[in-house]
Amino acid sequence: MAKTKKMLLMSISLVLMASLFLAGCGSKKDAAEEGTPEKPVELIWQTIGTPQKDVDKVMAKVSEYTKEKIGVTVKMKMYDWGDYNQKMQVVSASGEPYDIAFTSSWAFDYVNNARKGAFYDLTELLDQYGQGIKDALHPSFLEGAKIDGKLYAVPVNKELPAQKVFRYNKNLVDKYNLDIDSVKTLEDLEPLLAAVKKGEPNMFPFSAGKDFRFTLPLDLVNENIPLGVRLDDNGDLKVVNLLEQPEVMKNFETMHKFYKAGYLKKDAATATSGDEMKTGAWLTDLAHTQPFADTLWSDSNGYPVVSRPAEEPYVYNWSVTGSMMAISANTKYPEKAMEFLNLLNTDKYLRNLVNNGIEGEHYKRISEDRIEYLPAKQENYDMPSFTLGNFFVLDKLPSDPDNKWDEFKKFNDSAKNAPLLGFNFNGDNVKTEMASIQNVREEFFPSLFTGTVDPAVYVPKALEKFKQAGLDKVQAEMQKQIDEWKASRK
């Protein structure tokens, strides 16, 4: 009996071992099959923009293509512009699964979330699965997107530098025969503003609101703190105070002169700019440009707008990180997510499908590289192009010039790198001081930059308040980190 029992136990053990072995083989087989056309994995893509009715329909078409190409399907979740930050903070905190997310310097904060561990380190992944992205992107994109030497998101391949221009209402330029080519500085605007004010006494010809900023001679370490390195820095990377730069003081004085002359509206320091664009009751302002911006502005306003450079184009961290895609640190499929991003940024069919929707429903094709939108595009699939990937493989629209993307490339190649490109300040040691400094900035900057107050009186007041708020401590911390970064690059 004992012998029979022993043999029975051995038989059961062998069966169990065989089952485990077969199960192991099965799991290996399943793993090998995952991410194939026969067994695709689903990638969840979180992005910003007004939710569109046809997103699921277009993503079904996308998935048909990506399933065969790289063994993935795609589900897109869109959150409205004002909701995206809060929604993604909740997603990150709760551990809700996602694979790819839009991030930037202004939405779902790239630097802070990367440092918190929300994003996957793409440094090696890009070399393995994103070679097409590396080939397509200007090197400054990847340099400016690094945080502490590592890459945590893929920048969208679009306009690279930032450049401010003097923008003009061409109807008034023509009416008063104004020489806009002679304007190189704020001071040069005076005779033009005076001519329009004389002819249109009820108009405020210089359009500016509480967020107005003239061109600055610094690469700011942090956009909310008046400290940076001069653009003409000789390599020392010395942190200086914005308010102590002679060009800035001179421009404050010029703006105050303009304000007293009635060239700016009385409530400029508290008003939002832009309303006058609808009516045409303005002559000039300053705006960031890109190739063919004049055409876009003219189409948007419904009257001709022209511009002239106010500064040289520079590549800043914030211009590089204006639109990016990150992979979640918690994704189950980092390799597949990177394969998808690589395909999205290099495959003309896929990129245009995501951007334009379905041919025959959302657009019709005019020629090999030109399309025309149908009503359903605006009604059901009006997507923000700049959030969705490489511009340079997009089809052109009927009004686009033939050399559109050539001009974008020229614009990108024309820019200089700002001194702090690739450096990202960590403010953990001076959080309290930075919050206090930001409050001082909000108290003084709108009135100083719009010329509402006398800079001879208010710049010293601002400097004293900044000092009381801890600006010296923040400046020392910034200089320390920049010196360390500089040394690490040798």
Protein backbone atom coordinates (compact mmCIF):
# COMPACT_ATOMS: atom_id res chain seq x y z
CA MET A 1 0.00 0.00 0.00
CA ALA A 2 2.83 2.42 0.96
CA LYS A 3 4.63 1.65 -2.28
CA THR A 4 1.45 2.36 -4.29
CA LYS A 5 0.93 5.62 -2.44
CA LYS A 6 4.55 6.65 -3.07
CA MET A 7 4.23 5.89 -6.79
CA LEU A 8 0.99 7.89 -6.91
CA LEU A 9 2.68 10.92 -5.30
CA MET A 10 5.58 10.67 -7.78
CA SER A 11 3.12 10.56 -10.67
CA ILE A 12 1.34 13.67 -9.37
CA SER A 13 4.70 15.46 -9.00
CA LEU A 14 5.73 14.62 -12.54
CA VAL A 15 2.38 15.85 -13.87
CA LEU A 16 2.77 19.10 -11.92
CA MET A 17 6.34 19.58 -13.19
CA ALA A 18 5.24 18.96 -16.75
CA SER A 19 2.38 21.41 -16.34
CA LEU A 20 4.70 24.08 -14.95
CA PHE A 21 7.17 23.47 -17.79
CA LEU A 22 4.45 23.77 -20.40
CA ALA A 23 3.04 26.85 -18.67
CA GLY A 24 6.53 28.38 -18.73
CA CYS A 25 6.86 27.64 -22.40
CA GLY A 26 3.45 29.12 -22.97
CA SER A 27 4.29 32.37 -21.11
CA LYS A 28 7.52 32.72 -23.07
CA LYS A 29 5.61 32.13 -26.25
CA ASP A 30 2.97 34.67 -25.22
CA ALA A 31 5.66 37.22 -24.38
CA ALA A 32 7.32 36.65 -27.73
CA GLU A 33 3.99 37.13 -29.51
CA GLU A 34 3.16 40.38 -27.70
CA GLY A 35 3.77 43.44 -29.84
CA THR A 36 3.23 41.58 -33.10
CA PRO A 37 0.50 42.07 -35.74
CA GLU A 38 -1.14 38.89 -34.41
CA LYS A 39 -1.02 40.05 -30.80
CA PRO A 40 -0.58 43.84 -30.67
CA VAL A 41 -0.17 45.83 -27.47
CA GLU A 42 -2.35 48.89 -26.81
CA LEU A 43 -0.61 52.22 -26.18
CA ILE A 44 -2.55 54.92 -24.31
CA TRP A 45 -1.68 58.41 -25.53
CA GLN A 46 -2.63 61.36 -23.30
CA THR A 47 -2.63 64.71 -25.07
CA ILE A 48 -3.83 68.30 -24.86
CA GLY A 49 -6.52 70.00 -26.91
CA THR A 50 -10.25 70.43 -27.19
CA PRO A 51 -11.70 66.87 -27.31
CA GLN A 52 -12.82 65.96 -30.83
CA LYS A 53 -15.73 63.74 -31.87
CA ASP A 54 -13.80 61.68 -34.40
CA VAL A 55 -10.69 60.89 -32.34
CA ASP A 56 -11.68 57.24 -31.76
CA LYS A 57 -12.57 56.80 -35.43
CA VAL A 58 -9.21 58.17 -36.59
CA MET A 59 -7.29 56.19 -33.96
CA ALA A 60 -8.99 53.01 -35.22
CA LYS A 61 -7.54 53.80 -38.64
CA VAL A 62 -4.17 54.61 -37.03
CA SER A 63 -4.26 51.28 -35.20
CA GLU A 64 -4.89 49.32 -38.39
CA TYR A 65 -1.66 50.76 -39.75
CA THR A 66 0.51 50.60 -36.62
CA LYS A 67 -0.62 47.07 -35.83
CA GLU A 68 0.86 45.81 -39.07
CA LYS A 69 3.91 48.05 -38.91
CA ILE A 70 5.07 47.66 -35.30
CA GLY A 71 2.51 45.51 -33.48
CA VAL A 72 0.71 48.26 -31.52
CA THR A 73 -2.73 49.82 -31.38
CA VAL A 74 -3.32 53.37 -30.11
CA LYS A 75 -5.97 54.87 -27.85
CA MET A 76 -5.86 58.68 -27.59
CA LYS A 77 -7.27 60.55 -24.59
CA MET A 78 -7.65 64.31 -25.08
CA TYR A 79 -8.13 66.82 -22.28
CA ASP A 80 -9.05 70.44 -22.84
CA TRP A 81 -6.45 73.18 -22.65
CA GLY A 82 -7.48 74.43 -19.23
CA ASP A 83 -7.91 70.94 -17.75
CA TYR A 84 -4.78 69.16 -18.95
CA ASN A 85 -2.38 70.15 -16.16
CA GLN A 86 -4.70 69.17 -13.34
CA LYS A 87 -5.88 66.00 -15.09
CA MET A 88 -2.34 64.76 -15.70
CA GLN A 89 -1.32 65.52 -12.12
CA VAL A 90 -4.19 63.28 -10.97
CA VAL A 91 -3.22 60.60 -13.49
CA SER A 92 0.39 60.64 -12.28
CA ALA A 93 -0.52 60.63 -8.59
CA SER A 94 -3.10 57.84 -8.93
CA GLY A 95 -0.94 55.58 -11.06
CA GLU A 96 -3.56 55.47 -13.82
CA PRO A 97 -1.82 53.68 -16.70
CA TYR A 98 -0.71 55.54 -19.78
CA ASP A 99 2.19 55.14 -22.18
CA ILE A 100 2.73 58.48 -23.94
CA ALA A 101 1.86 62.01 -22.83
CA PHE A 102 2.18 65.55 -24.14
CA THR A 103 4.50 67.63 -21.97
CA SER A 104 6.13 71.03 -22.34
CA SER A 105 7.51 74.06 -20.55
CA TRP A 106 3.93 75.30 -20.07
CA ALA A 107 1.74 72.18 -19.70
CA PHE A 108 2.37 69.06 -17.58
CA ASP A 109 5.68 70.67 -16.66
CA TYR A 110 8.47 68.75 -18.40
CA VAL A 111 11.37 69.55 -16.08
CA ASN A 112 9.56 69.12 -12.78
CA ASN A 113 7.77 65.92 -13.77
CA ALA A 114 10.95 64.41 -15.19
CA ARG A 115 12.74 65.15 -11.92
CA LYS A 116 9.84 63.66 -9.95
CA GLY A 117 10.28 60.39 -11.85
CA ALA A 118 7.08 60.59 -13.92
CA PHE A 119 8.86 60.07 -17.26
CA TYR A 120 10.97 57.23 -18.65
CA ASP A 121 14.65 57.97 -19.32
CA LEU A 122 14.83 57.92 -23.13
CA THR A 123 18.58 58.44 -23.46
CA GLU A 124 19.40 54.85 -24.47
CA LEU A 125 15.94 54.05 -25.81
CA LEU A 126 16.26 56.79 -28.43
CA ASP A 127 19.51 55.25 -29.71
CA GLN A 128 17.92 51.81 -29.96
CA TYR A 129 14.44 52.55 -31.29
CA GLY A 130 14.39 56.22 -32.25
CA GLN A 131 17.14 56.64 -34.81
CA GLY A 132 14.70 58.22 -37.27
CA ILE A 133 13.88 60.92 -34.72
CA LYS A 134 17.57 61.64 -34.18
CA ASP A 135 18.11 61.93 -37.92
CA ALA A 136 15.15 64.30 -38.33
CA LEU A 137 15.73 66.65 -35.38
CA HIS A 138 18.12 69.58 -35.35
CA PRO A 139 20.78 68.72 -32.71
CA SER A 140 19.79 71.76 -30.62
CA PHE A 141 16.38 70.21 -29.97
CA LEU A 142 17.90 67.24 -28.18
CA GLU A 143 20.54 69.35 -26.42
CA GLY A 144 17.96 71.75 -25.05
CA ALA A 145 15.65 68.94 -23.93
CA LYS A 146 18.24 67.30 -21.67
CA ILE A 147 17.80 67.41 -17.92
CA ASP A 148 20.95 66.76 -15.93
CA GLY A 149 22.41 65.21 -19.08
CA LYS A 150 19.49 62.84 -19.74
CA LEU A 151 16.55 62.97 -22.15
CA TYR A 152 13.00 62.40 -20.88
CA ALA A 153 10.86 63.49 -23.83
CA VAL A 154 11.01 63.85 -27.61
CA PRO A 155 10.66 67.45 -28.85
CA VAL A 156 8.27 68.11 -31.72
CA ASN A 157 10.24 68.98 -34.85
CA LYS A 158 8.89 72.46 -35.61
CA GLU A 159 10.29 76.00 -35.45
CA LEU A 160 13.32 75.80 -33.17
CA PRO A 161 14.40 79.30 -32.14
CA ALA A 162 12.57 82.20 -30.55
CA GLN A 163 12.70 85.59 -32.26
CA LYS A 164 10.67 88.69 -31.54
CA VAL A 165 9.59 90.99 -34.32
CA PHE A 166 8.01 94.41 -34.54
CA ARG A 167 4.59 93.61 -35.94
CA TYR A 168 2.58 96.25 -37.83
CA ASN A 169 -0.94 96.92 -39.07
CA LYS A 170 -0.12 97.39 -42.76
CA ASN A 171 -3.25 99.48 -43.40
CA LEU A 172 -1.85 102.20 -41.12
CA VAL A 173 1.70 101.73 -42.43
CA ASP A 174 0.42 102.46 -45.95
CA LYS A 175 -1.98 105.22 -44.88
CA TYR A 176 0.79 107.24 -43.21
CA ASN A 177 3.62 106.11 -45.51
CA LEU A 178 5.68 104.82 -42.57
CA ASP A 179 9.26 103.56 -42.96
CA ILE A 180 9.18 100.35 -40.94
CA ASP A 181 12.53 99.17 -42.33
CA SER A 182 14.26 101.92 -40.35
CA VAL A 183 13.05 100.52 -37.01
CA LYS A 184 15.69 98.48 -35.20
CA THR A 185 15.01 99.48 -31.56
CA LEU A 186 12.10 100.63 -29.42
CA GLU A 187 13.32 104.24 -29.68
CA ASP A 188 13.12 104.04 -33.47
CA LEU A 189 9.35 103.58 -33.21
CA GLU A 190 8.73 107.11 -31.91
CA PRO A 191 8.23 108.99 -35.21
CA LEU A 192 5.89 106.25 -36.46
CA LEU A 193 3.82 106.30 -33.28
CA ALA A 194 3.70 110.11 -33.32
CA ALA A 195 2.47 110.18 -36.92
CA VAL A 196 -0.38 107.76 -36.23
CA LYS A 197 -1.34 109.45 -32.94
CA LYS A 198 -1.54 112.80 -34.73
CA GLY A 199 -3.75 111.36 -37.44
CA GLU A 200 -5.80 109.11 -35.14
CA PRO A 201 -5.93 111.01 -31.79
CA ASN A 202 -8.32 108.52 -30.17
CA MET A 203 -6.13 105.51 -31.00
CA PHE A 204 -3.42 103.98 -28.80
CA PRO A 205 -0.99 102.92 -31.56
CA PHE A 206 1.33 100.77 -29.37
CA SER A 207 -0.51 97.58 -28.41
CA ALA A 208 0.65 96.26 -25.03
CA GLY A 209 -0.89 94.62 -21.96
CA LYS A 210 0.19 93.31 -18.59
CA ASP A 211 2.21 90.47 -20.16
CA PHE A 212 4.10 92.71 -22.59
CA ARG A 213 7.88 92.26 -22.73
CA PHE A 214 10.31 94.02 -25.04
CA THR A 215 13.41 92.14 -26.21
CA LEU A 216 15.74 91.16 -23.37
CA PRO A 217 19.54 90.85 -23.43
CA LEU A 218 19.51 87.78 -21.14
CA ASP A 219 18.99 84.05 -21.28
CA LEU A 220 16.85 83.85 -18.14
CA VAL A 221 17.59 80.94 -15.80
CA ASN A 222 13.90 80.81 -14.86
CA GLU A 223 11.18 82.73 -16.67
CA ASN A 224 9.67 83.91 -13.36
CA ILE A 225 12.92 85.21 -11.84
CA PRO A 226 14.79 88.32 -13.14
CA LEU A 227 18.17 86.57 -13.26
CA GLY A 228 20.07 85.21 -16.24
CA VAL A 229 23.21 85.09 -18.31
CA ARG A 230 23.75 87.74 -20.96
CA LEU A 231 23.27 86.57 -24.54
CA ASP A 232 26.64 88.14 -25.36
CA ASP A 233 28.31 86.32 -22.46
CA ASN A 234 31.93 85.45 -23.24
CA GLY A 235 31.76 81.98 -21.70
CA ASP A 236 31.97 82.94 -18.03
CA LEU A 237 28.22 82.23 -17.64
CA LYS A 238 27.90 84.90 -14.97
CA VAL A 239 24.41 85.30 -13.52
CA VAL A 240 23.28 88.94 -13.58
CA ASN A 241 20.16 90.90 -12.58
CA LEU A 242 17.82 91.83 -15.44
CA LEU A 243 16.98 95.19 -13.85
CA GLU A 244 20.64 96.18 -13.68
CA GLN A 245 21.26 95.87 -17.44
CA PRO A 246 21.66 99.26 -19.20
CA GLU A 247 19.58 98.21 -22.24
CA VAL A 248 16.68 97.26 -20.00
CA MET A 249 16.73 100.56 -18.09
CA LYS A 250 16.89 102.46 -21.38
CA ASN A 251 13.86 100.57 -22.72
CA PHE A 252 11.94 101.22 -19.47
CA GLU A 253 12.60 104.93 -19.99
CA THR A 254 11.48 104.73 -23.64
CA MET A 255 8.26 102.92 -22.71
CA HIS A 256 7.53 105.51 -19.99
CA LYS A 257 8.01 108.26 -22.58
CA PHE A 258 5.60 106.45 -24.95
CA TYR A 259 3.06 106.00 -22.15
CA LYS A 260 3.10 109.68 -21.21
CA ALA A 261 2.68 110.60 -24.89
CA GLY A 262 -0.55 108.58 -25.02
CA TYR A 263 0.79 105.85 -27.31
CA LEU A 264 -0.35 103.07 -24.91
CA LYS A 265 -3.75 102.66 -23.31
CA LYS A 266 -4.04 103.97 -19.75
CA ASP A 267 -4.77 100.56 -18.22
CA ALA A 268 -1.96 98.75 -20.11
CA ALA A 269 -0.45 97.40 -16.85
CA THR A 270 -3.65 95.53 -15.97
CA ALA A 271 -5.24 94.90 -19.36
CA THR A 272 -4.89 91.91 -21.63
CA SER A 273 -3.59 92.80 -25.09
CA GLY A 274 -5.23 91.57 -28.24
CA ASP A 275 -8.69 93.17 -28.36
CA GLU A 276 -7.41 95.88 -30.68
CA MET A 277 -6.30 93.18 -33.13
CA LYS A 278 -9.96 92.47 -33.85
CA THR A 279 -10.76 96.11 -34.63
CA GLY A 280 -7.50 97.11 -36.28
CA ALA A 281 -7.06 100.01 -33.84
CA TRP A 282 -3.30 99.57 -33.41
CA LEU A 283 -0.10 100.26 -35.29
CA THR A 284 2.55 98.05 -33.70
CA ASP A 285 3.46 95.53 -31.03
CA LEU A 286 6.11 92.85 -30.44
CA ALA A 287 5.45 89.17 -31.11
CA HIS A 288 7.32 85.91 -31.53
CA THR A 289 7.61 84.89 -35.16
CA GLN A 290 8.09 81.84 -37.33
CA PRO A 291 8.30 81.42 -41.13
CA PHE A 292 5.22 82.87 -42.89
CA ALA A 293 3.89 84.28 -39.61
CA ASP A 294 2.78 87.45 -41.43
CA THR A 295 0.42 85.37 -43.56
CA LEU A 296 -1.01 83.60 -40.52
CA TRP A 297 -1.54 86.88 -38.67
CA SER A 298 -3.13 88.48 -41.72
CA ASP A 299 -5.51 85.56 -42.22
CA SER A 300 -6.41 85.52 -38.53
CA ASN A 301 -7.07 89.27 -38.27
CA GLY A 302 -8.74 89.70 -41.63
CA TYR A 303 -6.43 92.55 -42.69
CA PRO A 304 -2.75 92.69 -43.73
CA VAL A 305 -0.06 92.40 -41.05
CA VAL A 306 3.68 92.77 -41.70
CA SER A 307 6.71 92.42 -39.44
CA ARG A 308 10.40 93.22 -39.14
CA PRO A 309 13.03 91.62 -36.87
CA ALA A 310 13.50 93.11 -33.40
CA GLU A 311 16.28 90.71 -32.40
CA GLU A 312 18.36 87.78 -33.62
CA PRO A 313 16.87 84.26 -33.35
CA TYR A 314 18.12 82.25 -30.36
CA VAL A 315 17.45 78.70 -29.22
CA TYR A 316 16.39 78.65 -25.57
CA ASN A 317 15.42 75.77 -23.32
CA TRP A 318 11.84 77.02 -23.27
CA SER A 319 11.64 77.27 -27.07
CA VAL A 320 12.89 73.69 -27.44
CA THR A 321 10.54 72.34 -24.78
CA GLY A 322 7.44 74.13 -26.05
CA SER A 323 5.96 70.86 -27.37
CA MET A 324 7.16 67.36 -26.47
CA MET A 325 6.09 63.77 -26.00
CA ALA A 326 7.19 61.76 -22.99
CA ILE A 327 6.88 58.07 -22.21
CA SER A 328 5.49 57.16 -18.80
CA ALA A 329 7.99 55.82 -16.28
CA ASN A 330 5.40 53.15 -15.48
CA THR A 331 4.68 51.97 -19.01
CA LYS A 332 4.76 48.23 -19.62
CA TYR A 333 5.94 48.83 -23.17
CA PRO A 334 8.75 51.42 -23.31
CA GLU A 335 10.29 49.93 -26.44
CA LYS A 336 6.96 49.83 -28.29
CA ALA A 337 6.14 53.37 -27.18
CA MET A 338 9.45 54.59 -28.59
CA GLU A 339 8.92 52.60 -31.80
CA PHE A 340 5.55 54.35 -32.17
CA LEU A 341 7.03 57.81 -31.57
CA ASN A 342 9.74 57.05 -34.12
CA LEU A 343 7.16 55.94 -36.68
CA LEU A 344 4.92 58.94 -35.94
CA ASN A 345 7.79 61.36 -36.55
CA THR A 346 9.18 59.72 -39.70
CA ASP A 347 6.27 58.03 -41.49
CA LYS A 348 4.49 60.54 -43.74
CA TYR A 349 1.26 58.53 -43.96
CA LEU A 350 0.92 58.04 -40.19
CA ARG A 351 1.82 61.62 -39.27
CA ASN A 352 -0.69 63.04 -41.74
CA LEU A 353 -3.39 60.59 -40.65
CA VAL A 354 -3.02 61.68 -37.01
CA ASN A 355 -2.95 65.35 -38.02
CA ASN A 356 -5.53 65.54 -40.80
CA GLY A 357 -7.87 62.62 -40.25
CA ILE A 358 -9.25 60.25 -42.87
CA GLU A 359 -9.00 60.99 -46.58
CA GLY A 360 -12.39 61.54 -48.21
CA GLU A 361 -14.00 62.30 -44.85
CA HIS A 362 -11.89 65.01 -43.23
CA TYR A 363 -9.89 66.16 -46.25
CA LYS A 364 -9.45 65.64 -49.97
CA ARG A 365 -6.13 65.27 -51.74
CA ILE A 366 -5.25 67.92 -54.33
CA SER A 367 -1.79 66.68 -55.26
CA GLU A 368 0.93 64.40 -53.99
CA ASP A 369 1.86 66.68 -51.07
CA ARG A 370 -1.11 69.06 -50.83
CA ILE A 371 -4.58 68.61 -49.34
CA GLU A 372 -7.73 70.61 -48.71
CA TYR A 373 -9.78 70.29 -45.52
CA LEU A 374 -13.45 69.30 -45.71
CA PRO A 375 -16.10 70.62 -43.28
CA ALA A 376 -15.85 67.48 -41.12
CA LYS A 377 -12.23 68.33 -40.31
CA GLN A 378 -13.10 71.53 -38.49
CA GLU A 379 -16.36 70.15 -37.08
CA ASN A 380 -15.13 66.79 -35.78
CA TYR A 381 -11.33 66.57 -35.96
CA ASP A 382 -9.80 70.00 -35.40
CA MET A 383 -6.48 68.92 -33.91
CA PRO A 384 -3.62 71.13 -32.61
CA SER A 385 -0.86 70.22 -35.09
CA PHE A 386 2.02 71.47 -32.95
CA THR A 387 1.31 68.85 -30.27
CA LEU A 388 1.32 65.82 -32.56
CA GLY A 389 4.80 65.37 -34.00
CA ASN A 390 7.19 66.29 -36.81
CA PHE A 391 5.98 69.25 -38.91
CA PHE A 392 8.33 68.58 -41.79
CA VAL A 393 6.48 65.54 -43.16
CA LEU A 394 3.04 67.18 -43.11
CA ASP A 395 1.10 67.73 -46.32
CA LYS A 396 0.70 71.39 -47.28
CA LEU A 397 -2.63 73.22 -47.42
CA PRO A 398 -3.85 75.14 -50.50
CA SER A 399 -2.55 78.50 -49.20
CA ASP A 400 0.85 77.16 -48.10
CA PRO A 401 3.85 78.18 -50.24
CA ASP A 402 5.75 75.41 -52.00
CA ASN A 403 8.90 76.19 -49.99
CA LYS A 404 7.16 76.15 -46.59
CA TRP A 405 9.27 73.47 -44.91
CA ASP A 406 12.46 74.65 -46.61
CA GLU A 407 11.95 78.04 -44.96
CA PHE A 408 11.35 76.42 -41.58
CA LYS A 409 14.63 74.54 -41.96
CA LYS A 410 16.45 77.76 -42.87
CA PHE A 411 14.94 79.49 -39.85
CA ASN A 412 16.07 76.68 -37.56
CA ASP A 413 19.56 76.62 -39.03
CA SER A 414 19.92 80.41 -38.71
CA ALA A 415 19.66 80.48 -34.92
CA LYS A 416 22.35 80.66 -32.28
CA ASN A 417 22.20 78.57 -29.12
CA ALA A 418 21.51 80.63 -26.00
CA PRO A 419 24.27 80.32 -23.36
CA LEU A 420 22.22 78.14 -20.99
CA LEU A 421 20.80 75.72 -23.58
CA GLY A 422 20.68 72.32 -21.86
CA PHE A 423 20.83 73.71 -18.31
CA ASN A 424 17.78 73.35 -16.06
CA PHE A 425 17.79 74.99 -12.66
CA ASN A 426 16.72 72.96 -9.60
CA GLY A 427 15.03 75.35 -7.18
CA ASP A 428 14.37 72.90 -4.35
CA ASN A 429 16.83 74.68 -2.04
CA VAL A 430 15.27 78.12 -2.57
CA LYS A 431 11.55 77.40 -3.00
CA THR A 432 10.40 79.97 -0.44
CA GLU A 433 12.58 82.71 -1.88
CA MET A 434 11.49 81.96 -5.46
CA ALA A 435 7.81 82.22 -4.50
CA SER A 436 8.45 85.58 -2.81
CA ILE A 437 10.47 86.84 -5.80
CA GLN A 438 7.69 85.87 -8.19
CA ASN A 439 5.23 87.93 -6.14
CA VAL A 440 7.54 90.96 -6.40
CA ARG A 441 7.90 90.40 -10.12
CA GLU A 442 4.12 90.37 -10.57
CA GLU A 443 3.88 93.56 -8.51
CA PHE A 444 6.41 95.59 -10.54
CA PHE A 445 6.93 94.11 -14.02
CA PRO A 446 3.58 94.94 -15.69
CA SER A 447 3.86 98.63 -14.78
CA LEU A 448 7.58 98.88 -15.62
CA PHE A 449 7.40 97.10 -18.97
CA THR A 450 4.32 99.06 -20.14
CA GLY A 451 5.91 102.36 -19.08
CA THR A 452 3.07 103.11 -16.67
CA VAL A 453 5.50 104.23 -13.94
CA ASP A 454 8.74 106.20 -13.87
CA PRO A 455 11.64 103.70 -13.90
CA ALA A 456 13.92 106.16 -12.10
CA VAL A 457 11.61 105.84 -9.10
CA TYR A 458 10.31 102.28 -9.39
CA VAL A 459 13.37 100.26 -10.48
CA PRO A 460 15.18 101.06 -7.19
CA LYS A 461 12.01 100.14 -5.28
CA ALA A 462 11.78 96.84 -7.18
CA LEU A 463 15.45 96.04 -6.59
CA GLU A 464 15.06 96.63 -2.86
CA LYS A 465 11.97 94.41 -2.68
CA PHE A 466 13.66 91.67 -4.71
CA LYS A 467 16.60 91.81 -2.29
CA GLN A 468 14.25 91.52 0.70
CA ALA A 469 12.58 88.52 -0.98
CA GLY A 470 15.90 86.64 -1.16
CA LEU A 471 17.16 87.37 -4.68
CA ASP A 472 20.81 87.27 -3.58
CA LYS A 473 20.38 83.76 -2.18
CA VAL A 474 18.67 82.54 -5.36
CA GLN A 475 21.36 84.17 -7.50
CA ALA A 476 24.11 82.41 -5.54
CA GLU A 477 22.33 79.05 -5.91
CA MET A 478 21.87 79.58 -9.63
CA GLN A 479 25.51 80.53 -10.09
CA LYS A 480 26.62 77.44 -8.13
CA GLN A 481 24.54 75.08 -10.29
CA ILE A 482 25.58 76.76 -13.54
CA ASP A 483 29.26 76.52 -12.56
CA GLU A 484 28.80 72.80 -11.83
CA TRP A 485 27.01 72.30 -15.15
CA LYS A 486 29.72 74.21 -17.00
CA ALA A 487 32.43 72.05 -15.38
CA SER A 488 30.56 68.83 -16.24
CA ARG A 489 30.58 69.72 -19.95
CA LYS A 490 34.36 70.05 -20.28
